[in-house]
Amino acid sequence: MSIVRNLLIILVTIFLLFNAYVYGSLLTYRAVAPHRTMFMLLRMHELATTHPDTQLNYQWVAYNRISPNLKKALIASEDARFAEHDGFDWNGIRTAIKKNEHQGRIKAGGSTISQQLAKNLFLSESRHYWRKAEEAVITSLLEATTNKDRIFTLYLNVIEWGYGVFGAEAASETIYGRTAMQLSAQQAAKLAARVPRPLYYVDHPHDQEIRRKANVILRRMGSAQLPDNDQ
């Protein structure tokens, strides 16, 4: 019993220390851009083996230097209720749980923008339930410490869009040869359509699915509600 008790004490201590680190980091990120995210570090480590010539292209830009078109496209494609919810889309979560139960494994996540950001900043891509539980804790901390504008700014700047390409500015320059502020509605919709599988679409640039998804996003952009009420 003492072994079990000591193990539990160690696990609880690790959990508390990790979340203290997360909390401190989130307070810092309210004013300072992340130097790197956990996802960037893991992805670049992976690419060092599969694509050794890949260089990290991560360019932080202020919220007002990113086109409203891209903001609306990502809201429309990833999290239509972002401006309203507390970090969790409970209807989406219930739908994801049903899909996972039907398939017998964790495939759908029902993740909001806040949840995606929590994962990208601090966690791995594993789909275990304990990782989803920690994601929920971090999402709650994120929503409690950071306003929606800042959450969205962080998200826009750390999303993966290609091999070593992270953030709206790097993606816009790499894919379209223009700044994030200059993106047209159609270009923004195509960028948003890449988000779930960015590396796949780099390798399959002529896949017709991305055009179909972009057209759906374009239709939804008109009703996308931004957290700062930009028009």
C-alpha atoms as a PDB file:
ATOM      1  CA  MET A   1       0.000   0.000   0.000  1.00  0.00           C
ATOM      2  CA  SER A   2       2.871   2.382   0.751  1.00  0.00           C
ATOM      3  CA  ILE A   3       4.176   1.906  -2.788  1.00  0.00           C
ATOM      4  CA  VAL A   4       0.776   2.776  -4.243  1.00  0.00           C
ATOM      5  CA  ARG A   5       0.454   5.782  -1.924  1.00  0.00           C
ATOM      6  CA  ASN A   6       3.903   7.056  -2.834  1.00  0.00           C
ATOM      7  CA  LEU A   7       3.178   6.589  -6.527  1.00  0.00           C
ATOM      8  CA  LEU A   8      -0.054   8.567  -6.186  1.00  0.00           C
ATOM      9  CA  ILE A   9       1.793  11.322  -4.326  1.00  0.00           C
ATOM     10  CA  ILE A  10       4.370  11.491  -7.112  1.00  0.00           C
ATOM     11  CA  LEU A  11       1.698  11.613  -9.823  1.00  0.00           C
ATOM     12  CA  VAL A  12      -0.285  14.304  -8.031  1.00  0.00           C
ATOM     13  CA  THR A  13       2.887  16.328  -7.489  1.00  0.00           C
ATOM     14  CA  ILE A  14       3.785  16.087 -11.175  1.00  0.00           C
ATOM     15  CA  PHE A  15       0.244  17.108 -12.131  1.00  0.00           C
ATOM     16  CA  LEU A  16       0.303  20.139  -9.817  1.00  0.00           C
ATOM     17  CA  LEU A  17       3.769  21.245 -10.910  1.00  0.00           C
ATOM     18  CA  PHE A  18       2.898  20.926 -14.590  1.00  0.00           C
ATOM     19  CA  ASN A  19      -0.284  22.932 -14.206  1.00  0.00           C
ATOM     20  CA  ALA A  20       1.539  25.559 -12.147  1.00  0.00           C
ATOM     21  CA  TYR A  21       3.944  25.871 -15.092  1.00  0.00           C
ATOM     22  CA  VAL A  22       0.995  26.119 -17.489  1.00  0.00           C
ATOM     23  CA  TYR A  23      -0.690  28.780 -15.377  1.00  0.00           C
ATOM     24  CA  GLY A  24       2.473  30.865 -15.205  1.00  0.00           C
ATOM     25  CA  SER A  25       3.027  30.518 -18.945  1.00  0.00           C
ATOM     26  CA  LEU A  26      -0.526  31.605 -19.721  1.00  0.00           C
ATOM     27  CA  LEU A  27      -0.110  34.713 -17.596  1.00  0.00           C
ATOM     28  CA  THR A  28       3.047  35.496 -19.581  1.00  0.00           C
ATOM     29  CA  TYR A  29       1.364  34.855 -22.938  1.00  0.00           C
ATOM     30  CA  ARG A  30      -1.209  37.530 -22.186  1.00  0.00           C
ATOM     31  CA  ALA A  31       1.501  40.052 -23.111  1.00  0.00           C
ATOM     32  CA  VAL A  32       4.400  38.090 -24.602  1.00  0.00           C
ATOM     33  CA  ALA A  33       4.422  35.872 -27.691  1.00  0.00           C
ATOM     34  CA  PRO A  34       5.410  32.229 -27.112  1.00  0.00           C
ATOM     35  CA  HIS A  35       8.985  31.556 -28.223  1.00  0.00           C
ATOM     36  CA  ARG A  36       7.948  28.057 -29.291  1.00  0.00           C
ATOM     37  CA  THR A  37       4.969  25.811 -28.611  1.00  0.00           C
ATOM     38  CA  MET A  38       5.100  22.177 -27.578  1.00  0.00           C
ATOM     39  CA  PHE A  39       3.557  21.200 -30.906  1.00  0.00           C
ATOM     40  CA  MET A  40       6.234  23.111 -32.819  1.00  0.00           C
ATOM     41  CA  LEU A  41       8.991  21.360 -30.869  1.00  0.00           C
ATOM     42  CA  LEU A  42       7.482  17.913 -31.403  1.00  0.00           C
ATOM     43  CA  ARG A  43       6.762  18.520 -35.075  1.00  0.00           C
ATOM     44  CA  MET A  44      10.247  19.860 -35.820  1.00  0.00           C
ATOM     45  CA  HIS A  45      11.754  16.871 -34.004  1.00  0.00           C
ATOM     46  CA  GLU A  46       9.660  14.580 -36.202  1.00  0.00           C
ATOM     47  CA  LEU A  47      10.593  16.464 -39.384  1.00  0.00           C
ATOM     48  CA  ALA A  48      14.289  16.261 -38.495  1.00  0.00           C
ATOM     49  CA  THR A  49      14.001  12.586 -39.447  1.00  0.00           C
ATOM     50  CA  THR A  50      11.460  12.650 -42.285  1.00  0.00           C
ATOM     51  CA  HIS A  51      12.290  16.053 -43.850  1.00  0.00           C
ATOM     52  CA  PRO A  52      15.733  17.008 -42.482  1.00  0.00           C
ATOM     53  CA  ASP A  53      16.064  20.182 -44.579  1.00  0.00           C
ATOM     54  CA  THR A  54      12.951  21.771 -43.028  1.00  0.00           C
ATOM     55  CA  GLN A  55      13.525  25.044 -41.206  1.00  0.00           C
ATOM     56  CA  LEU A  56      11.137  26.532 -38.660  1.00  0.00           C
ATOM     57  CA  ASN A  57       9.195  29.448 -40.169  1.00  0.00           C
ATOM     58  CA  TYR A  58       7.308  31.045 -37.282  1.00  0.00           C
ATOM     59  CA  GLN A  59       6.475  34.732 -37.565  1.00  0.00           C
ATOM     60  CA  TRP A  60       4.446  36.469 -34.864  1.00  0.00           C
ATOM     61  CA  VAL A  61       2.260  39.405 -35.934  1.00  0.00           C
ATOM     62  CA  ALA A  62      -0.208  41.569 -34.022  1.00  0.00           C
ATOM     63  CA  TYR A  63      -3.923  40.833 -34.260  1.00  0.00           C
ATOM     64  CA  ASN A  64      -4.592  43.971 -36.313  1.00  0.00           C
ATOM     65  CA  ARG A  65      -2.037  42.846 -38.910  1.00  0.00           C
ATOM     66  CA  ILE A  66      -4.094  39.778 -39.832  1.00  0.00           C
ATOM     67  CA  SER A  67      -6.897  40.127 -42.358  1.00  0.00           C
ATOM     68  CA  PRO A  68     -10.462  39.955 -40.999  1.00  0.00           C
ATOM     69  CA  ASN A  69     -11.045  37.546 -43.889  1.00  0.00           C
ATOM     70  CA  LEU A  70      -8.771  34.949 -42.287  1.00  0.00           C
ATOM     71  CA  LYS A  71     -10.251  35.525 -38.845  1.00  0.00           C
ATOM     72  CA  LYS A  72     -13.765  34.972 -40.160  1.00  0.00           C
ATOM     73  CA  ALA A  73     -12.686  31.958 -42.211  1.00  0.00           C
ATOM     74  CA  LEU A  74     -11.200  30.220 -39.177  1.00  0.00           C
ATOM     75  CA  ILE A  75     -14.213  30.990 -37.007  1.00  0.00           C
ATOM     76  CA  ALA A  76     -16.480  29.658 -39.756  1.00  0.00           C
ATOM     77  CA  SER A  77     -14.448  26.475 -40.241  1.00  0.00           C
ATOM     78  CA  GLU A  78     -13.193  25.641 -36.752  1.00  0.00           C
ATOM     79  CA  ASP A  79     -15.460  27.092 -34.065  1.00  0.00           C
ATOM     80  CA  ALA A  80     -18.577  29.082 -34.998  1.00  0.00           C
ATOM     81  CA  ARG A  81     -19.464  29.768 -31.352  1.00  0.00           C
ATOM     82  CA  PHE A  82     -15.991  30.840 -30.255  1.00  0.00           C
ATOM     83  CA  ALA A  83     -17.086  34.353 -29.247  1.00  0.00           C
ATOM     84  CA  GLU A  84     -19.866  32.951 -27.033  1.00  0.00           C
ATOM     85  CA  HIS A  85     -18.693  29.772 -25.304  1.00  0.00           C
ATOM     86  CA  ASP A  86     -16.514  29.263 -22.225  1.00  0.00           C
ATOM     87  CA  GLY A  87     -13.930  27.207 -24.083  1.00  0.00           C
ATOM     88  CA  PHE A  88     -16.060  24.123 -24.691  1.00  0.00           C
ATOM     89  CA  ASP A  89     -18.707  23.407 -27.316  1.00  0.00           C
ATOM     90  CA  TRP A  90     -20.795  20.882 -25.422  1.00  0.00           C
ATOM     91  CA  ASN A  91     -22.937  19.950 -28.425  1.00  0.00           C
ATOM     92  CA  GLY A  92     -19.793  19.263 -30.433  1.00  0.00           C
ATOM     93  CA  ILE A  93     -18.314  17.214 -27.600  1.00  0.00           C
ATOM     94  CA  ARG A  94     -21.451  15.065 -27.326  1.00  0.00           C
ATOM     95  CA  THR A  95     -21.372  14.457 -31.091  1.00  0.00           C
ATOM     96  CA  ALA A  96     -17.675  13.514 -30.924  1.00  0.00           C
ATOM     97  CA  ILE A  97     -18.275  11.084 -28.053  1.00  0.00           C
ATOM     98  CA  LYS A  98     -20.989   9.327 -30.063  1.00  0.00           C
ATOM     99  CA  LYS A  99     -18.662   9.028 -33.063  1.00  0.00           C
ATOM    100  CA  ASN A 100     -15.860   7.648 -30.899  1.00  0.00           C
ATOM    101  CA  GLU A 101     -18.173   5.110 -29.260  1.00  0.00           C
ATOM    102  CA  HIS A 102     -19.416   4.002 -32.658  1.00  0.00           C
ATOM    103  CA  GLN A 103     -15.885   3.585 -34.044  1.00  0.00           C
ATOM    104  CA  GLY A 104     -14.431   2.107 -30.845  1.00  0.00           C
ATOM    105  CA  ARG A 105     -11.537   4.577 -30.671  1.00  0.00           C
ATOM    106  CA  ILE A 106     -10.827   8.265 -30.175  1.00  0.00           C
ATOM    107  CA  LYS A 107     -11.023   9.869 -33.602  1.00  0.00           C
ATOM    108  CA  ALA A 108     -13.314  12.882 -33.342  1.00  0.00           C
ATOM    109  CA  GLY A 109     -12.487  15.498 -30.739  1.00  0.00           C
ATOM    110  CA  GLY A 110     -15.117  18.219 -30.974  1.00  0.00           C
ATOM    111  CA  SER A 111     -12.350  20.684 -30.141  1.00  0.00           C
ATOM    112  CA  THR A 112     -12.910  24.426 -29.965  1.00  0.00           C
ATOM    113  CA  ILE A 113     -10.305  27.025 -30.877  1.00  0.00           C
ATOM    114  CA  SER A 114      -9.468  27.337 -27.173  1.00  0.00           C
ATOM    115  CA  GLN A 115      -8.967  23.580 -26.847  1.00  0.00           C
ATOM    116  CA  GLN A 116      -6.828  23.436 -29.989  1.00  0.00           C
ATOM    117  CA  LEU A 117      -4.673  26.259 -28.646  1.00  0.00           C
ATOM    118  CA  ALA A 118      -4.305  24.555 -25.249  1.00  0.00           C
ATOM    119  CA  LYS A 119      -3.106  21.393 -26.966  1.00  0.00           C
ATOM    120  CA  ASN A 120      -0.736  23.202 -29.326  1.00  0.00           C
ATOM    121  CA  LEU A 121       0.864  25.234 -26.554  1.00  0.00           C
ATOM    122  CA  PHE A 122       1.501  22.464 -24.048  1.00  0.00           C
ATOM    123  CA  LEU A 123       0.549  18.934 -25.137  1.00  0.00           C
ATOM    124  CA  SER A 124       1.257  16.164 -27.606  1.00  0.00           C
ATOM    125  CA  GLU A 125      -0.955  14.902 -30.433  1.00  0.00           C
ATOM    126  CA  SER A 126      -1.837  11.668 -28.598  1.00  0.00           C
ATOM    127  CA  ARG A 127      -5.527  10.802 -28.427  1.00  0.00           C
ATOM    128  CA  HIS A 128      -5.632   9.161 -24.992  1.00  0.00           C
ATOM    129  CA  TYR A 129      -8.414  10.186 -22.617  1.00  0.00           C
ATOM    130  CA  TRP A 130      -5.895  11.414 -20.026  1.00  0.00           C
ATOM    131  CA  ARG A 131      -4.523  13.850 -22.622  1.00  0.00           C
ATOM    132  CA  LYS A 132      -8.038  15.103 -23.341  1.00  0.00           C
ATOM    133  CA  ALA A 133      -8.571  15.535 -19.594  1.00  0.00           C
ATOM    134  CA  GLU A 134      -5.405  17.629 -19.265  1.00  0.00           C
ATOM    135  CA  GLU A 135      -6.470  19.591 -22.342  1.00  0.00           C
ATOM    136  CA  ALA A 136      -9.729  20.395 -20.564  1.00  0.00           C
ATOM    137  CA  VAL A 137      -7.841  21.642 -17.486  1.00  0.00           C
ATOM    138  CA  ILE A 138      -5.580  23.862 -19.589  1.00  0.00           C
ATOM    139  CA  THR A 139      -8.533  25.161 -21.610  1.00  0.00           C
ATOM    140  CA  SER A 140     -10.277  26.186 -18.400  1.00  0.00           C
ATOM    141  CA  LEU A 141      -7.134  27.969 -17.197  1.00  0.00           C
ATOM    142  CA  LEU A 142      -6.762  29.642 -20.585  1.00  0.00           C
ATOM    143  CA  GLU A 143     -10.319  30.967 -20.586  1.00  0.00           C
ATOM    144  CA  ALA A 144     -10.027  32.107 -16.960  1.00  0.00           C
ATOM    145  CA  THR A 145      -6.793  34.062 -17.482  1.00  0.00           C
ATOM    146  CA  THR A 146      -6.988  35.329 -21.065  1.00  0.00           C
ATOM    147  CA  ASN A 147      -9.567  37.333 -23.011  1.00  0.00           C
ATOM    148  CA  LYS A 148     -10.979  36.073 -26.291  1.00  0.00           C
ATOM    149  CA  ASP A 149      -9.037  38.541 -28.434  1.00  0.00           C
ATOM    150  CA  ARG A 150      -5.746  37.304 -27.014  1.00  0.00           C
ATOM    151  CA  ILE A 151      -6.743  33.638 -27.289  1.00  0.00           C
ATOM    152  CA  PHE A 152      -7.563  34.171 -30.951  1.00  0.00           C
ATOM    153  CA  THR A 153      -4.331  36.114 -31.515  1.00  0.00           C
ATOM    154  CA  LEU A 154      -2.311  33.244 -30.048  1.00  0.00           C
ATOM    155  CA  TYR A 155      -4.232  30.710 -32.124  1.00  0.00           C
ATOM    156  CA  LEU A 156      -3.744  32.634 -35.380  1.00  0.00           C
ATOM    157  CA  ASN A 157      -0.017  32.848 -34.756  1.00  0.00           C
ATOM    158  CA  VAL A 158       0.758  29.224 -33.850  1.00  0.00           C
ATOM    159  CA  ILE A 159      -1.374  27.175 -36.253  1.00  0.00           C
ATOM    160  CA  GLU A 160       0.554  24.758 -38.474  1.00  0.00           C
ATOM    161  CA  TRP A 161       0.103  25.366 -42.206  1.00  0.00           C
ATOM    162  CA  GLY A 162       2.973  23.482 -43.789  1.00  0.00           C
ATOM    163  CA  TYR A 163       6.322  21.797 -43.240  1.00  0.00           C
ATOM    164  CA  GLY A 164       7.827  24.034 -40.570  1.00  0.00           C
ATOM    165  CA  VAL A 165       5.316  26.796 -41.346  1.00  0.00           C
ATOM    166  CA  PHE A 166       3.490  28.166 -38.317  1.00  0.00           C
ATOM    167  CA  GLY A 167       1.223  31.171 -38.007  1.00  0.00           C
ATOM    168  CA  ALA A 168      -0.848  33.312 -40.368  1.00  0.00           C
ATOM    169  CA  GLU A 169       2.026  35.523 -41.538  1.00  0.00           C
ATOM    170  CA  ALA A 170       4.383  32.688 -42.426  1.00  0.00           C
ATOM    171  CA  ALA A 171       1.563  30.786 -44.159  1.00  0.00           C
ATOM    172  CA  SER A 172       0.418  33.796 -46.182  1.00  0.00           C
ATOM    173  CA  GLU A 173       3.931  34.605 -47.352  1.00  0.00           C
ATOM    174  CA  THR A 174       4.799  30.972 -48.106  1.00  0.00           C
ATOM    175  CA  ILE A 175       1.598  30.042 -49.940  1.00  0.00           C
ATOM    176  CA  TYR A 176       0.467  33.327 -51.494  1.00  0.00           C
ATOM    177  CA  GLY A 177       3.505  35.581 -51.402  1.00  0.00           C
ATOM    178  CA  ARG A 178       1.679  38.281 -49.476  1.00  0.00           C
ATOM    179  CA  THR A 179       1.204  39.363 -45.881  1.00  0.00           C
ATOM    180  CA  ALA A 180      -1.581  38.024 -43.691  1.00  0.00           C
ATOM    181  CA  MET A 181      -3.245  41.440 -43.819  1.00  0.00           C
ATOM    182  CA  GLN A 182      -3.519  41.266 -47.628  1.00  0.00           C
ATOM    183  CA  LEU A 183      -5.401  37.965 -47.860  1.00  0.00           C
ATOM    184  CA  SER A 184      -8.544  37.957 -49.959  1.00  0.00           C
ATOM    185  CA  ALA A 185     -11.667  36.151 -48.781  1.00  0.00           C
ATOM    186  CA  GLN A 186     -11.025  33.242 -51.146  1.00  0.00           C
ATOM    187  CA  GLN A 187      -7.386  32.895 -50.105  1.00  0.00           C
ATOM    188  CA  ALA A 188      -8.395  33.017 -46.436  1.00  0.00           C
ATOM    189  CA  ALA A 189     -11.013  30.314 -46.980  1.00  0.00           C
ATOM    190  CA  LYS A 190      -8.452  28.066 -48.662  1.00  0.00           C
ATOM    191  CA  LEU A 191      -6.007  28.581 -45.806  1.00  0.00           C
ATOM    192  CA  ALA A 192      -8.703  27.733 -43.254  1.00  0.00           C
ATOM    193  CA  ALA A 193      -9.601  24.612 -45.237  1.00  0.00           C
ATOM    194  CA  ARG A 194      -6.023  23.367 -44.815  1.00  0.00           C
ATOM    195  CA  VAL A 195      -5.996  23.523 -41.005  1.00  0.00           C
ATOM    196  CA  PRO A 196      -7.139  19.978 -40.141  1.00  0.00           C
ATOM    197  CA  ARG A 197      -4.538  18.356 -42.456  1.00  0.00           C
ATOM    198  CA  PRO A 198      -1.945  20.968 -43.435  1.00  0.00           C
ATOM    199  CA  LEU A 199       0.866  18.608 -44.410  1.00  0.00           C
ATOM    200  CA  TYR A 200      -1.456  16.464 -46.510  1.00  0.00           C
ATOM    201  CA  TYR A 201      -2.526  19.476 -48.538  1.00  0.00           C
ATOM    202  CA  VAL A 202       1.080  20.555 -49.059  1.00  0.00           C
ATOM    203  CA  ASP A 203       1.739  17.121 -50.549  1.00  0.00           C
ATOM    204  CA  HIS A 204      -1.576  17.088 -52.476  1.00  0.00           C
ATOM    205  CA  PRO A 205      -2.070  20.694 -53.661  1.00  0.00           C
ATOM    206  CA  HIS A 206      -4.580  19.719 -56.344  1.00  0.00           C
ATOM    207  CA  ASP A 207      -6.880  17.713 -54.098  1.00  0.00           C
ATOM    208  CA  GLN A 208     -10.419  18.813 -54.971  1.00  0.00           C
ATOM    209  CA  GLU A 209     -11.543  18.424 -51.372  1.00  0.00           C
ATOM    210  CA  ILE A 210      -9.822  21.650 -50.377  1.00  0.00           C
ATOM    211  CA  ARG A 211     -11.791  23.597 -52.990  1.00  0.00           C
ATOM    212  CA  ARG A 212     -15.055  22.090 -51.776  1.00  0.00           C
ATOM    213  CA  LYS A 213     -14.234  22.904 -48.156  1.00  0.00           C
ATOM    214  CA  ALA A 214     -13.144  26.444 -49.051  1.00  0.00           C
ATOM    215  CA  ASN A 215     -16.449  27.076 -50.820  1.00  0.00           C
ATOM    216  CA  VAL A 216     -18.372  25.949 -47.742  1.00  0.00           C
ATOM    217  CA  ILE A 217     -16.243  28.213 -45.541  1.00  0.00           C
ATOM    218  CA  LEU A 218     -16.793  31.160 -47.901  1.00  0.00           C
ATOM    219  CA  ARG A 219     -20.552  30.775 -47.563  1.00  0.00           C
ATOM    220  CA  ARG A 220     -20.301  30.720 -43.766  1.00  0.00           C
ATOM    221  CA  MET A 221     -17.902  33.642 -43.384  1.00  0.00           C
ATOM    222  CA  GLY A 222     -20.638  36.257 -43.668  1.00  0.00           C
ATOM    223  CA  SER A 223     -22.189  35.122 -40.374  1.00  0.00           C
ATOM    224  CA  ALA A 224     -18.896  34.494 -38.524  1.00  0.00           C
ATOM    225  CA  GLN A 225     -18.819  36.382 -35.223  1.00  0.00           C
ATOM    226  CA  LEU A 226     -15.391  37.659 -34.210  1.00  0.00           C
ATOM    227  CA  PRO A 227     -14.559  38.132 -30.526  1.00  0.00           C
ATOM    228  CA  ASP A 228     -13.721  41.822 -31.011  1.00  0.00           C
ATOM    229  CA  ASN A 229     -16.776  42.507 -33.194  1.00  0.00           C
ATOM    230  CA  ASP A 230     -14.628  43.383 -36.226  1.00  0.00           C
ATOM    231  CA  GLN A 231     -16.588  43.679 -39.398  1.00  0.00           C
END
